[in-house]
Amino acid sequence: MEIIKDIVADVIKGINEKKVSKDDPESILKRILSKKELSHVKFRYLRKGVLGVAVDSTGWLYQLNLQKPKIMAKLGGKLQGIKDLRFYMGEIE
Protein backbone atom coordinates (compact mmCIF):
# COMPACT_ATOMS: atom_id res chain seq x y z
CA MET A 1 0.00 0.00 0.00
CA GLU A 2 2.80 2.43 0.77
CA ILE A 3 4.24 1.95 -2.73
CA ILE A 4 0.93 2.89 -4.37
CA LYS A 5 0.61 5.89 -2.07
CA ASP A 6 4.11 7.08 -3.06
CA ILE A 7 3.38 6.58 -6.77
CA VAL A 8 0.15 8.58 -6.56
CA ALA A 9 1.93 11.36 -4.66
CA ASP A 10 4.68 11.48 -7.34
CA VAL A 11 2.11 11.64 -10.16
CA ILE A 12 0.19 14.47 -8.48
CA LYS A 13 3.45 16.35 -7.84
CA GLY A 14 4.40 15.96 -11.52
CA ILE A 15 1.03 17.27 -12.68
CA ASN A 16 1.30 20.32 -10.43
CA GLU A 17 4.81 21.08 -11.68
CA LYS A 18 3.68 21.01 -15.33
CA LYS A 19 1.06 23.72 -14.93
CA VAL A 20 1.53 26.59 -17.36
CA SER A 21 3.39 29.53 -15.93
CA LYS A 22 2.72 33.18 -16.71
CA ASP A 23 6.05 33.28 -18.54
CA ASP A 24 5.13 30.77 -21.22
CA PRO A 25 5.25 32.02 -24.84
CA GLU A 26 1.48 32.03 -25.32
CA SER A 27 0.88 34.22 -22.26
CA ILE A 28 3.62 36.62 -23.30
CA LEU A 29 2.16 36.92 -26.82
CA LYS A 30 -1.20 37.74 -25.26
CA ARG A 31 0.41 40.63 -23.39
CA ILE A 32 2.34 41.92 -26.43
CA LEU A 33 -0.26 41.74 -29.20
CA SER A 34 -3.49 43.73 -29.34
CA LYS A 35 -6.89 42.06 -28.95
CA LYS A 36 -7.54 42.56 -32.65
CA GLU A 37 -4.24 40.87 -33.57
CA LEU A 38 -4.87 38.05 -31.11
CA SER A 39 -8.18 37.25 -32.78
CA HIS A 40 -6.22 36.36 -35.95
CA VAL A 41 -3.31 34.37 -34.50
CA LYS A 42 -2.64 31.20 -32.50
CA PHE A 43 0.59 30.15 -30.76
CA ARG A 44 1.65 26.76 -32.16
CA TYR A 45 5.17 25.83 -31.07
CA LEU A 46 8.47 26.82 -29.52
CA ARG A 47 11.30 24.66 -30.84
CA LYS A 48 15.03 25.39 -30.77
CA GLY A 49 14.40 29.05 -30.04
CA VAL A 50 11.89 29.49 -32.87
CA LEU A 51 8.40 30.63 -31.92
CA GLY A 52 5.77 29.51 -34.43
CA VAL A 53 2.51 31.44 -34.73
CA ALA A 54 -0.34 30.51 -37.09
CA VAL A 55 -2.15 33.39 -38.79
CA ASP A 56 -5.61 33.13 -40.36
CA SER A 57 -5.22 35.39 -43.41
CA THR A 58 -2.59 36.70 -45.80
CA GLY A 59 -3.37 40.28 -44.85
CA TRP A 60 -2.64 39.63 -41.19
CA LEU A 61 0.40 37.55 -42.12
CA TYR A 62 1.80 40.54 -44.01
CA GLN A 63 0.91 42.99 -41.23
CA LEU A 64 2.48 40.88 -38.49
CA ASN A 65 5.63 40.29 -40.53
CA LEU A 66 6.00 44.06 -40.83
CA GLN A 67 5.78 44.30 -37.03
CA LYS A 68 8.11 41.35 -36.44
CA PRO A 69 11.17 43.41 -35.33
CA LYS A 70 9.07 45.27 -32.75
CA ILE A 71 7.47 42.05 -31.50
CA MET A 72 10.87 40.30 -31.32
CA ALA A 73 12.27 43.16 -29.24
CA LYS A 74 9.40 42.86 -26.78
CA LEU A 75 9.68 39.04 -26.69
CA GLY A 76 13.42 39.18 -26.10
CA GLY A 77 12.92 41.22 -22.97
CA LYS A 78 10.33 38.84 -21.54
CA LEU A 79 11.33 35.42 -22.87
CA GLN A 80 14.96 34.36 -23.01
CA GLY A 81 16.27 32.15 -25.80
CA ILE A 82 13.98 33.31 -28.62
CA LYS A 83 16.00 33.38 -31.84
CA ASP A 84 13.24 33.82 -34.39
CA LEU A 85 9.52 34.40 -34.73
CA ARG A 86 7.80 32.66 -37.62
CA PHE A 87 4.33 33.60 -38.75
CA TYR A 88 2.65 31.17 -41.16
CA MET A 89 -0.78 30.53 -42.63
CA GLY A 90 -2.73 28.05 -40.55
CA GLU A 91 -5.90 27.34 -38.63
CA ILE A 92 -6.25 29.26 -35.41
CA GLU A 93 -9.11 27.32 -33.88
PDB file of N, CA and C in Angstrom:
ATOM      1  N   MET A   1       0.812  -1.201   0.000  1.00  0.00           N
ATOM      2  CA  MET A   1       0.000   0.000   0.000  1.00  0.00           C
ATOM      3  C   MET A   1       0.852   1.261   0.000  1.00  0.00           C
ATOM      4  N   GLU A   2       1.938   1.251   0.721  1.00  0.00           N
ATOM      5  CA  GLU A   2       2.801   2.428   0.768  1.00  0.00           C
ATOM      6  C   GLU A   2       3.378   2.746  -0.606  1.00  0.00           C
ATOM      7  N   ILE A   3       3.681   1.721  -1.397  1.00  0.00           N
ATOM      8  CA  ILE A   3       4.244   1.947  -2.734  1.00  0.00           C
ATOM      9  C   ILE A   3       3.232   2.677  -3.609  1.00  0.00           C
ATOM     10  N   ILE A   4       1.986   2.247  -3.568  1.00  0.00           N
ATOM     11  CA  ILE A   4       0.935   2.893  -4.365  1.00  0.00           C
ATOM     12  C   ILE A   4       0.749   4.337  -3.906  1.00  0.00           C
ATOM     13  N   LYS A   5       0.758   4.541  -2.611  1.00  0.00           N
ATOM     14  CA  LYS A   5       0.609   5.893  -2.067  1.00  0.00           C
ATOM     15  C   LYS A   5       1.737   6.805  -2.559  1.00  0.00           C
ATOM     16  N   ASP A   6       2.967   6.296  -2.581  1.00  0.00           N
ATOM     17  CA  ASP A   6       4.108   7.078  -3.062  1.00  0.00           C
ATOM     18  C   ASP A   6       3.997   7.370  -4.556  1.00  0.00           C
ATOM     19  N   ILE A   7       3.541   6.398  -5.323  1.00  0.00           N
ATOM     20  CA  ILE A   7       3.382   6.578  -6.766  1.00  0.00           C
ATOM     21  C   ILE A   7       2.336   7.654  -7.051  1.00  0.00           C
ATOM     22  N   VAL A   8       1.208   7.587  -6.369  1.00  0.00           N
ATOM     23  CA  VAL A   8       0.150   8.581  -6.560  1.00  0.00           C
ATOM     24  C   VAL A   8       0.656   9.969  -6.176  1.00  0.00           C
ATOM     25  N   ALA A   9       1.379  10.071  -5.092  1.00  0.00           N
ATOM     26  CA  ALA A   9       1.929  11.358  -4.664  1.00  0.00           C
ATOM     27  C   ALA A   9       2.899  11.908  -5.708  1.00  0.00           C
ATOM     28  N   ASP A  10       3.734  11.050  -6.294  1.00  0.00           N
ATOM     29  CA  ASP A  10       4.676  11.483  -7.336  1.00  0.00           C
ATOM     30  C   ASP A  10       3.945  11.948  -8.588  1.00  0.00           C
ATOM     31  N   VAL A  11       2.887  11.254  -8.978  1.00  0.00           N
ATOM     32  CA  VAL A  11       2.110  11.639 -10.159  1.00  0.00           C
ATOM     33  C   VAL A  11       1.457  13.002  -9.944  1.00  0.00           C
ATOM     34  N   ILE A  12       0.849  13.193  -8.786  1.00  0.00           N
ATOM     35  CA  ILE A  12       0.194  14.471  -8.482  1.00  0.00           C
ATOM     36  C   ILE A  12       1.228  15.593  -8.442  1.00  0.00           C
ATOM     37  N   LYS A  13       2.385  15.334  -7.874  1.00  0.00           N
ATOM     38  CA  LYS A  13       3.453  16.345  -7.838  1.00  0.00           C
ATOM     39  C   LYS A  13       3.880  16.704  -9.260  1.00  0.00           C
ATOM     40  N   GLY A  14       4.013  15.713 -10.129  1.00  0.00           N
ATOM     41  CA  GLY A  14       4.398  15.956 -11.520  1.00  0.00           C
ATOM     42  C   GLY A  14       3.371  16.770 -12.266  1.00  0.00           C
ATOM     43  N   ILE A  15       2.100  16.506 -12.029  1.00  0.00           N
ATOM     44  CA  ILE A  15       1.027  17.270 -12.677  1.00  0.00           C
ATOM     45  C   ILE A  15       1.073  18.718 -12.227  1.00  0.00           C
ATOM     46  N   ASN A  16       1.250  18.950 -10.949  1.00  0.00           N
ATOM     47  CA  ASN A  16       1.298  20.319 -10.427  1.00  0.00           C
ATOM     48  C   ASN A  16       2.493  21.086 -10.964  1.00  0.00           C
ATOM     49  N   GLU A  17       3.622  20.416 -11.174  1.00  0.00           N
ATOM     50  CA  GLU A  17       4.813  21.085 -11.678  1.00  0.00           C
ATOM     51  C   GLU A  17       4.682  21.448 -13.147  1.00  0.00           C
ATOM     52  N   LYS A  18       3.827  20.765 -13.905  1.00  0.00           N
ATOM     53  CA  LYS A  18       3.680  21.007 -15.332  1.00  0.00           C
ATOM     54  C   LYS A  18       2.632  22.061 -15.658  1.00  0.00           C
ATOM     55  N   LYS A  19       2.032  22.674 -14.662  1.00  0.00           N
ATOM     56  CA  LYS A  19       1.056  23.725 -14.925  1.00  0.00           C
ATOM     57  C   LYS A  19       1.728  24.869 -15.669  1.00  0.00           C
ATOM     58  N   VAL A  20       0.990  25.519 -16.539  1.00  0.00           N
ATOM     59  CA  VAL A  20       1.528  26.594 -17.364  1.00  0.00           C
ATOM     60  C   VAL A  20       1.828  27.806 -16.492  1.00  0.00           C
ATOM     61  N   SER A  21       3.018  28.339 -16.688  1.00  0.00           N
ATOM     62  CA  SER A  21       3.395  29.532 -15.934  1.00  0.00           C
ATOM     63  C   SER A  21       2.987  30.778 -16.702  1.00  0.00           C
ATOM     64  N   LYS A  22       3.070  31.923 -16.054  1.00  0.00           N
ATOM     65  CA  LYS A  22       2.720  33.179 -16.714  1.00  0.00           C
ATOM     66  C   LYS A  22       3.819  33.631 -17.649  1.00  0.00           C
ATOM     67  N   ASP A  23       4.940  32.926 -17.666  1.00  0.00           N
ATOM     68  CA  ASP A  23       6.046  33.281 -18.539  1.00  0.00           C
ATOM     69  C   ASP A  23       6.144  32.353 -19.739  1.00  0.00           C
ATOM     70  N   ASP A  24       5.096  31.622 -20.038  1.00  0.00           N
ATOM     71  CA  ASP A  24       5.127  30.771 -21.220  1.00  0.00           C
ATOM     72  C   ASP A  24       4.889  31.639 -22.457  1.00  0.00           C
ATOM     73  N   PRO A  25       5.335  31.194 -23.624  1.00  0.00           N
ATOM     74  CA  PRO A  25       5.247  32.016 -24.843  1.00  0.00           C
ATOM     75  C   PRO A  25       3.833  32.490 -25.176  1.00  0.00           C
ATOM     76  N   GLU A  26       2.851  31.649 -24.986  1.00  0.00           N
ATOM     77  CA  GLU A  26       1.476  32.030 -25.320  1.00  0.00           C
ATOM     78  C   GLU A  26       1.001  33.194 -24.446  1.00  0.00           C
ATOM     79  N   SER A  27       1.286  33.138 -23.165  1.00  0.00           N
ATOM     80  CA  SER A  27       0.885  34.224 -22.262  1.00  0.00           C
ATOM     81  C   SER A  27       1.600  35.522 -22.599  1.00  0.00           C
ATOM     82  N   ILE A  28       2.863  35.420 -22.957  1.00  0.00           N
ATOM     83  CA  ILE A  28       3.622  36.617 -23.304  1.00  0.00           C
ATOM     84  C   ILE A  28       3.084  37.233 -24.589  1.00  0.00           C
ATOM     85  N   LEU A  29       2.761  36.393 -25.577  1.00  0.00           N
ATOM     86  CA  LEU A  29       2.163  36.916 -26.815  1.00  0.00           C
ATOM     87  C   LEU A  29       0.850  37.635 -26.526  1.00  0.00           C
ATOM     88  N   LYS A  30       0.073  37.111 -25.604  1.00  0.00           N
ATOM     89  CA  LYS A  30      -1.201  37.735 -25.260  1.00  0.00           C
ATOM     90  C   LYS A  30      -0.996  39.116 -24.646  1.00  0.00           C
ATOM     91  N   ARG A  31       0.125  39.319 -23.980  1.00  0.00           N
ATOM     92  CA  ARG A  31       0.413  40.631 -23.395  1.00  0.00           C
ATOM     93  C   ARG A  31       1.000  41.594 -24.416  1.00  0.00           C
ATOM     94  N   ILE A  32       1.665  41.071 -25.435  1.00  0.00           N
ATOM     95  CA  ILE A  32       2.338  41.920 -26.425  1.00  0.00           C
ATOM     96  C   ILE A  32       1.394  42.363 -27.537  1.00  0.00           C
ATOM     97  N   LEU A  33       0.603  41.437 -28.064  1.00  0.00           N
ATOM     98  CA  LEU A  33      -0.264  41.738 -29.198  1.00  0.00           C
ATOM     99  C   LEU A  33      -1.578  42.367 -28.749  1.00  0.00           C
ATOM    100  N   SER A  34      -2.192  43.126 -29.642  1.00  0.00           N
ATOM    101  CA  SER A  34      -3.492  43.729 -29.336  1.00  0.00           C
ATOM    102  C   SER A  34      -4.592  42.674 -29.424  1.00  0.00           C
ATOM    103  N   LYS A  35      -5.761  42.994 -28.893  1.00  0.00           N
ATOM    104  CA  LYS A  35      -6.892  42.061 -28.948  1.00  0.00           C
ATOM    105  C   LYS A  35      -7.264  41.748 -30.388  1.00  0.00           C
ATOM    106  N   LYS A  36      -7.204  42.747 -31.237  1.00  0.00           N
ATOM    107  CA  LYS A  36      -7.540  42.559 -32.646  1.00  0.00           C
ATOM    108  C   LYS A  36      -6.548  41.591 -33.302  1.00  0.00           C
ATOM    109  N   GLU A  37      -5.262  41.773 -33.027  1.00  0.00           N
ATOM    110  CA  GLU A  37      -4.243  40.868 -33.571  1.00  0.00           C
ATOM    111  C   GLU A  37      -4.412  39.458 -33.024  1.00  0.00           C
ATOM    112  N   LEU A  38      -4.707  39.367 -31.740  1.00  0.00           N
ATOM    113  CA  LEU A  38      -4.868  38.053 -31.113  1.00  0.00           C
ATOM    114  C   LEU A  38      -6.029  37.259 -31.695  1.00  0.00           C
ATOM    115  N   SER A  39      -7.039  37.959 -32.205  1.00  0.00           N
ATOM    116  CA  SER A  39      -8.177  37.248 -32.781  1.00  0.00           C
ATOM    117  C   SER A  39      -7.824  36.602 -34.122  1.00  0.00           C
ATOM    118  N   HIS A  40      -6.645  36.905 -34.651  1.00  0.00           N
ATOM    119  CA  HIS A  40      -6.222  36.365 -35.947  1.00  0.00           C
ATOM    120  C   HIS A  40      -5.009  35.448 -35.859  1.00  0.00           C
ATOM    121  N   VAL A  41      -4.505  35.194 -34.653  1.00  0.00           N
ATOM    122  CA  VAL A  41      -3.307  34.366 -34.497  1.00  0.00           C
ATOM    123  C   VAL A  41      -3.512  33.284 -33.440  1.00  0.00           C
ATOM    124  N   LYS A  42      -2.638  32.271 -33.496  1.00  0.00           N
ATOM    125  CA  LYS A  42      -2.643  31.201 -32.505  1.00  0.00           C
ATOM    126  C   LYS A  42      -1.212  30.706 -32.320  1.00  0.00           C
ATOM    127  N   PHE A  43      -0.730  30.699 -31.078  1.00  0.00           N
ATOM    128  CA  PHE A  43       0.589  30.152 -30.764  1.00  0.00           C
ATOM    129  C   PHE A  43       0.579  28.665 -31.090  1.00  0.00           C
ATOM    130  N   ARG A  44       1.593  28.173 -31.785  1.00  0.00           N
ATOM    131  CA  ARG A  44       1.652  26.763 -32.156  1.00  0.00           C
ATOM    132  C   ARG A  44       2.827  26.004 -31.570  1.00  0.00           C
ATOM    133  N   TYR A  45       4.026  26.589 -31.578  1.00  0.00           N
ATOM    134  CA  TYR A  45       5.175  25.834 -31.071  1.00  0.00           C
ATOM    135  C   TYR A  45       6.319  26.763 -30.661  1.00  0.00           C
ATOM    136  N   LEU A  46       7.196  26.201 -29.859  1.00  0.00           N
ATOM    137  CA  LEU A  46       8.471  26.820 -29.524  1.00  0.00           C
ATOM    138  C   LEU A  46       9.489  25.693 -29.586  1.00  0.00           C
ATOM    139  N   ARG A  47      10.288  25.697 -30.650  1.00  0.00           N
ATOM    140  CA  ARG A  47      11.304  24.663 -30.844  1.00  0.00           C
ATOM    141  C   ARG A  47      12.629  25.302 -31.207  1.00  0.00           C
ATOM    142  N   LYS A  48      13.668  24.920 -30.489  1.00  0.00           N
ATOM    143  CA  LYS A  48      15.026  25.387 -30.772  1.00  0.00           C
ATOM    144  C   LYS A  48      15.094  26.905 -30.894  1.00  0.00           C
ATOM    145  N   GLY A  49      14.375  27.592 -30.055  1.00  0.00           N
ATOM    146  CA  GLY A  49      14.400  29.046 -30.044  1.00  0.00           C
ATOM    147  C   GLY A  49      13.530  29.719 -31.086  1.00  0.00           C
ATOM    148  N   VAL A  50      12.757  28.934 -31.831  1.00  0.00           N
ATOM    149  CA  VAL A  50      11.885  29.488 -32.867  1.00  0.00           C
ATOM    150  C   VAL A  50      10.442  29.408 -32.386  1.00  0.00           C
ATOM    151  N   LEU A  51       9.788  30.545 -32.348  1.00  0.00           N
ATOM    152  CA  LEU A  51       8.404  30.635 -31.915  1.00  0.00           C
ATOM    153  C   LEU A  51       7.514  30.634 -33.156  1.00  0.00           C
ATOM    154  N   GLY A  52       6.659  29.633 -33.281  1.00  0.00           N
ATOM    155  CA  GLY A  52       5.772  29.508 -34.433  1.00  0.00           C
ATOM    156  C   GLY A  52       4.370  29.984 -34.098  1.00  0.00           C
ATOM    157  N   VAL A  53       3.831  30.869 -34.948  1.00  0.00           N
ATOM    158  CA  VAL A  53       2.506  31.437 -34.726  1.00  0.00           C
ATOM    159  C   VAL A  53       1.696  31.308 -36.013  1.00  0.00           C
ATOM    160  N   ALA A  54       0.556  30.647 -35.934  1.00  0.00           N
ATOM    161  CA  ALA A  54      -0.336  30.515 -37.088  1.00  0.00           C
ATOM    162  C   ALA A  54      -1.161  31.787 -37.227  1.00  0.00           C
ATOM    163  N   VAL A  55      -1.386  32.189 -38.474  1.00  0.00           N
ATOM    164  CA  VAL A  55      -2.153  33.391 -38.789  1.00  0.00           C
ATOM    165  C   VAL A  55      -3.261  32.986 -39.751  1.00  0.00           C
ATOM    166  N   ASP A  56      -4.451  33.581 -39.597  1.00  0.00           N
ATOM    167  CA  ASP A  56      -5.609  33.127 -40.363  1.00  0.00           C
ATOM    168  C   ASP A  56      -5.802  33.746 -41.744  1.00  0.00           C
ATOM    169  N   SER A  57      -5.044  34.795 -42.088  1.00  0.00           N
ATOM    170  CA  SER A  57      -5.217  35.393 -43.411  1.00  0.00           C
ATOM    171  C   SER A  57      -3.903  35.985 -43.901  1.00  0.00           C
ATOM    172  N   THR A  58      -3.814  36.147 -45.223  1.00  0.00           N
ATOM    173  CA  THR A  58      -2.586  36.698 -45.801  1.00  0.00           C
ATOM    174  C   THR A  58      -2.388  38.156 -45.416  1.00  0.00           C
ATOM    175  N   GLY A  59      -3.474  38.885 -45.264  1.00  0.00           N
ATOM    176  CA  GLY A  59      -3.374  40.283 -44.847  1.00  0.00           C
ATOM    177  C   GLY A  59      -2.741  40.415 -43.479  1.00  0.00           C
ATOM    178  N   TRP A  60      -3.199  39.593 -42.534  1.00  0.00           N
ATOM    179  CA  TRP A  60      -2.637  39.630 -41.189  1.00  0.00           C
ATOM    180  C   TRP A  60      -1.228  39.067 -41.176  1.00  0.00           C
ATOM    181  N   LEU A  61      -0.952  38.092 -42.013  1.00  0.00           N
ATOM    182  CA  LEU A  61       0.400  37.552 -42.116  1.00  0.00           C
ATOM    183  C   LEU A  61       1.365  38.658 -42.533  1.00  0.00           C
ATOM    184  N   TYR A  62       0.986  39.422 -43.537  1.00  0.00           N
ATOM    185  CA  TYR A  62       1.804  40.540 -44.011  1.00  0.00           C
ATOM    186  C   TYR A  62       1.973  41.590 -42.911  1.00  0.00           C
ATOM    187  N   GLN A  63       0.883  41.963 -42.281  1.00  0.00           N
ATOM    188  CA  GLN A  63       0.908  42.991 -41.230  1.00  0.00           C
ATOM    189  C   GLN A  63       1.804  42.582 -40.065  1.00  0.00           C
ATOM    190  N   LEU A  64       1.680  41.342 -39.622  1.00  0.00           N
ATOM    191  CA  LEU A  64       2.484  40.881 -38.489  1.00  0.00           C
ATOM    192  C   LEU A  64       3.952  40.747 -38.863  1.00  0.00           C
ATOM    193  N   ASN A  65       4.235  40.351 -40.092  1.00  0.00           N
ATOM    194  CA  ASN A  65       5.630  40.287 -40.527  1.00  0.00           C
ATOM    195  C   ASN A  65       6.260  41.671 -40.570  1.00  0.00           C
ATOM    196  N   LEU A  66       5.485  42.695 -40.886  1.00  0.00           N
ATOM    197  CA  LEU A  66       5.997  44.060 -40.829  1.00  0.00           C
ATOM    198  C   LEU A  66       6.343  44.468 -39.391  1.00  0.00           C
ATOM    199  N   GLN A  67       5.572  43.966 -38.438  1.00  0.00           N
ATOM    200  CA  GLN A  67       5.776  44.302 -37.028  1.00  0.00           C
ATOM    201  C   GLN A  67       6.754  43.359 -36.319  1.00  0.00           C
ATOM    202  N   LYS A  68       7.263  42.375 -37.041  1.00  0.00           N
ATOM    203  CA  LYS A  68       8.113  41.345 -36.443  1.00  0.00           C
ATOM    204  C   LYS A  68       9.294  41.910 -35.639  1.00  0.00           C
ATOM    205  N   PRO A  69      10.051  42.894 -36.146  1.00  0.00           N
ATOM    206  CA  PRO A  69      11.171  43.414 -35.334  1.00  0.00           C
ATOM    207  C   PRO A  69      10.718  43.985 -33.988  1.00  0.00           C
ATOM    208  N   LYS A  70       9.599  44.697 -33.987  1.00  0.00           N
ATOM    209  CA  LYS A  70       9.070  45.273 -32.749  1.00  0.00           C
ATOM    210  C   LYS A  70       8.617  44.165 -31.789  1.00  0.00           C
ATOM    211  N   ILE A  71       7.951  43.163 -32.321  1.00  0.00           N
ATOM    212  CA  ILE A  71       7.472  42.048 -31.495  1.00  0.00           C
ATOM    213  C   ILE A  71       8.658  41.261 -30.939  1.00  0.00           C
ATOM    214  N   MET A  72       9.672  41.024 -31.773  1.00  0.00           N
ATOM    215  CA  MET A  72      10.866  40.296 -31.320  1.00  0.00           C
ATOM    216  C   MET A  72      11.565  41.054 -30.186  1.00  0.00           C
ATOM    217  N   ALA A  73      11.641  42.367 -30.297  1.00  0.00           N
ATOM    218  CA  ALA A  73      12.274  43.161 -29.243  1.00  0.00           C
ATOM    219  C   ALA A  73      11.521  43.007 -27.927  1.00  0.00           C
ATOM    220  N   LYS A  74      10.204  43.031 -27.989  1.00  0.00           N
ATOM    221  CA  LYS A  74       9.400  42.860 -26.775  1.00  0.00           C
ATOM    222  C   LYS A  74       9.522  41.447 -26.233  1.00  0.00           C
ATOM    223  N   LEU A  75       9.535  40.443 -27.123  1.00  0.00           N
ATOM    224  CA  LEU A  75       9.678  39.044 -26.691  1.00  0.00           C
ATOM    225  C   LEU A  75      11.030  38.806 -26.037  1.00  0.00           C
ATOM    226  N   GLY A  76      12.073  39.364 -26.628  1.00  0.00           N
ATOM    227  CA  GLY A  76      13.421  39.175 -26.097  1.00  0.00           C
ATOM    228  C   GLY A  76      13.566  39.652 -24.672  1.00  0.00           C
ATOM    229  N   GLY A  77      12.856  40.701 -24.328  1.00  0.00           N
ATOM    230  CA  GLY A  77      12.916  41.220 -22.967  1.00  0.00           C
ATOM    231  C   GLY A  77      12.143  40.377 -21.968  1.00  0.00           C
ATOM    232  N   LYS A  78      11.185  39.606 -22.451  1.00  0.00           N
ATOM    233  CA  LYS A  78      10.327  38.838 -21.539  1.00  0.00           C
ATOM    234  C   LYS A  78      10.574  37.336 -21.584  1.00  0.00           C
ATOM    235  N   LEU A  79      11.136  36.859 -22.697  1.00  0.00           N
ATOM    236  CA  LEU A  79      11.325  35.417 -22.868  1.00  0.00           C
ATOM    237  C   LEU A  79      12.725  35.175 -23.417  1.00  0.00           C
ATOM    238  N   GLN A  80      13.573  34.595 -22.610  1.00  0.00           N
ATOM    239  CA  GLN A  80      14.955  34.360 -23.010  1.00  0.00           C
ATOM    240  C   GLN A  80      15.047  33.197 -24.001  1.00  0.00           C
ATOM    241  N   GLY A  81      16.004  33.266 -24.895  1.00  0.00           N
ATOM    242  CA  GLY A  81      16.270  32.155 -25.800  1.00  0.00           C
ATOM    243  C   GLY A  81      15.492  32.176 -27.099  1.00  0.00           C
ATOM    244  N   ILE A  82      14.725  33.212 -27.357  1.00  0.00           N
ATOM    245  CA  ILE A  82      13.978  33.307 -28.617  1.00  0.00           C
ATOM    246  C   ILE A  82      14.921  33.821 -29.693  1.00  0.00           C
ATOM    247  N   LYS A  83      15.118  33.002 -30.740  1.00  0.00           N
ATOM    248  CA  LYS A  83      15.999  33.378 -31.841  1.00  0.00           C
ATOM    249  C   LYS A  83      15.211  33.938 -33.025  1.00  0.00           C
ATOM    250  N   ASP A  84      14.017  33.408 -33.223  1.00  0.00           N
ATOM    251  CA  ASP A  84      13.237  33.820 -34.390  1.00  0.00           C
ATOM    252  C   ASP A  84      11.749  33.676 -34.090  1.00  0.00           C
ATOM    253  N   LEU A  85      10.980  34.444 -34.815  1.00  0.00           N
ATOM    254  CA  LEU A  85       9.522  34.403 -34.731  1.00  0.00           C
ATOM    255  C   LEU A  85       9.015  34.129 -36.138  1.00  0.00           C
ATOM    256  N   ARG A  86       8.281  33.032 -36.298  1.00  0.00           N
ATOM    257  CA  ARG A  86       7.797  32.660 -37.624  1.00  0.00           C
ATOM    258  C   ARG A  86       6.276  32.686 -37.656  1.00  0.00           C
ATOM    259  N   PHE A  87       5.761  33.553 -38.500  1.00  0.00           N
ATOM    260  CA  PHE A  87       4.328  33.604 -38.752  1.00  0.00           C
ATOM    261  C   PHE A  87       4.069  32.778 -39.999  1.00  0.00           C
ATOM    262  N   TYR A  88       3.004  31.975 -39.991  1.00  0.00           N
ATOM    263  CA  TYR A  88       2.649  31.174 -41.156  1.00  0.00           C
ATOM    264  C   TYR A  88       1.145  31.027 -41.232  1.00  0.00           C
ATOM    265  N   MET A  89       0.657  30.746 -42.436  1.00  0.00           N
ATOM    266  CA  MET A  89      -0.780  30.534 -42.632  1.00  0.00           C
ATOM    267  C   MET A  89      -1.178  29.209 -41.974  1.00  0.00           C
ATOM    268  N   GLY A  90      -2.264  29.257 -41.219  1.00  0.00           N
ATOM    269  CA  GLY A  90      -2.726  28.051 -40.550  1.00  0.00           C
ATOM    270  C   GLY A  90      -4.034  28.312 -39.833  1.00  0.00           C
ATOM    271  N   GLU A  91      -4.646  27.221 -39.382  1.00  0.00           N
ATOM    272  CA  GLU A  91      -5.895  27.341 -38.631  1.00  0.00           C
ATOM    273  C   GLU A  91      -5.602  27.856 -37.239  1.00  0.00           C
ATOM    274  N   ILE A  92      -6.472  28.711 -36.757  1.00  0.00           N
ATOM    275  CA  ILE A  92      -6.250  29.264 -35.408  1.00  0.00           C
ATOM    276  C   ILE A  92      -7.254  28.740 -34.397  1.00  0.00           C
ATOM    277  N   GLU A  93      -8.096  27.848 -34.796  1.00  0.00           N
ATOM    278  CA  GLU A  93      -9.112  27.317 -33.883  1.00  0.00           C
ATOM    279  C   GLU A  93      -8.617  26.136 -33.122  1.00  0.00           C
TER     280      GLU A  93
END
